[in-house]
Amino acid sequence: MAVGRGGERRQRKAAVARGRGPARRRPSLAQAANIRSIPTLMAFRDGILVFSQPGALPAPALEEVITAVKGLDMVDVRKQVEEAAASSNQAG
C-alpha cells in the first residue's frame, strides 16, 4: 500500500529531530560546537556528530544528507571515532 505525501513526511519527521540552538545568545555553546556561521546544519547519530556544514541546504540536498546519515554503518563510525581518539591521545 502506498503512503501519501503527508504520511511520508510524518514518518521522516519521526526519524529526524530538528533543533535550534541559541548560538547568538550563548557564544560559548557555539564555540564548543565549532559553529562559525549561522545557520549550521549538524547531524548526530547515536550521539556522534556525523555531519556539519555551515549554511542552509536546499530541500533535495537536505534529503541526501538525511538518507546518508540513516545509511551509515555505526559500528564502523564508532571504530573510526575510537581510532581517531587513540591517535590524538598518542600524539599529545
Protein backbone atom coordinates (compact mmCIF):
# COMPACT_ATOMS: atom_id res chain seq x y z
CA MET A 1 0.00 0.00 0.00
CA ALA A 2 1.39 3.41 -0.94
CA VAL A 3 1.80 6.06 1.72
CA GLY A 4 0.59 9.53 0.77
CA ARG A 5 2.92 12.51 0.86
CA GLY A 6 1.73 13.58 4.29
CA GLY A 7 2.36 10.07 5.63
CA GLU A 8 5.91 10.09 4.26
CA ARG A 9 6.59 13.43 5.93
CA ARG A 10 5.25 12.16 9.25
CA GLN A 11 7.43 9.04 9.06
CA ARG A 12 10.51 11.10 8.17
CA LYS A 13 9.74 13.62 10.92
CA ALA A 14 9.56 10.83 13.49
CA ALA A 15 13.02 9.62 12.47
CA VAL A 16 14.70 13.05 12.23
CA ALA A 17 14.71 15.60 15.01
CA ARG A 18 15.15 19.26 14.24
CA GLY A 19 16.51 21.66 16.77
CA ARG A 20 17.72 25.17 17.13
CA GLY A 21 20.43 26.22 19.47
CA PRO A 22 20.88 29.66 20.97
CA ALA A 23 24.23 30.24 19.23
CA ARG A 24 23.87 34.01 19.18
CA ARG A 25 22.85 34.22 22.83
CA ARG A 26 25.34 31.61 24.03
CA PRO A 27 28.61 32.10 22.16
CA SER A 28 30.35 29.56 24.41
CA LEU A 29 27.96 26.87 23.15
CA ALA A 30 28.60 27.90 19.54
CA GLN A 31 32.34 27.82 20.18
CA ALA A 32 32.16 24.37 21.78
CA ALA A 33 30.23 23.08 18.75
CA ASN A 34 32.70 24.82 16.40
CA ILE A 35 29.88 26.84 14.82
CA ARG A 36 31.35 29.59 12.66
CA SER A 37 28.27 30.50 10.64
CA ILE A 38 24.54 30.67 11.23
CA PRO A 39 22.82 28.56 10.15
CA THR A 40 24.98 25.48 10.56
CA LEU A 41 23.50 22.09 9.82
CA MET A 42 24.71 19.39 12.17
CA ALA A 43 23.65 15.75 12.13
CA PHE A 44 24.14 13.43 15.07
CA ARG A 45 23.55 9.72 15.12
CA ASP A 46 23.75 7.73 18.34
CA GLY A 47 25.22 10.83 19.98
CA ILE A 48 28.06 11.12 17.47
CA LEU A 49 28.44 14.15 15.22
CA VAL A 50 28.46 12.68 11.72
CA PHE A 51 27.85 15.78 9.58
CA SER A 52 28.43 19.50 9.98
CA GLN A 53 28.18 22.17 7.32
CA PRO A 54 27.64 25.90 7.53
CA GLY A 55 24.83 27.42 5.54
CA ALA A 56 21.35 26.38 4.54
CA LEU A 57 20.72 23.49 2.17
CA PRO A 58 18.02 23.21 -0.47
CA ALA A 59 15.45 20.51 0.26
CA PRO A 60 16.91 17.90 -2.15
CA ALA A 61 20.39 18.27 -0.64
CA LEU A 62 18.96 18.03 2.88
CA GLU A 63 17.17 14.82 1.89
CA GLU A 64 20.51 13.44 0.63
CA VAL A 65 22.15 14.24 3.97
CA ILE A 66 19.30 12.59 5.89
CA THR A 67 19.49 9.48 3.69
CA ALA A 68 23.28 9.30 4.05
CA VAL A 69 23.14 9.68 7.85
CA LYS A 70 20.47 6.99 8.12
CA GLY A 71 22.59 4.69 5.94
CA LEU A 72 25.77 4.98 8.00
CA ASP A 73 27.34 1.83 9.40
CA MET A 74 27.53 2.97 13.02
CA VAL A 75 29.81 0.09 14.01
CA ASP A 76 32.33 1.43 11.50
CA VAL A 77 31.73 5.03 12.61
CA ARG A 78 32.36 4.13 16.27
CA LYS A 79 35.54 2.30 15.25
CA GLN A 80 36.75 5.39 13.36
CA VAL A 81 35.95 7.63 16.33
CA GLU A 82 37.87 5.33 18.68
CA GLU A 83 40.86 5.19 16.31
CA ALA A 84 40.90 8.98 15.97
CA ALA A 85 40.75 9.40 19.74
CA ALA A 86 43.55 6.87 20.24
CA SER A 87 45.80 8.55 17.67
CA SER A 88 45.18 12.02 19.16
CA ASN A 89 45.97 10.64 22.63
CA GLN A 90 49.26 9.22 21.33
CA ALA A 91 50.16 12.50 19.59
CA GLY A 92 49.52 14.60 22.69
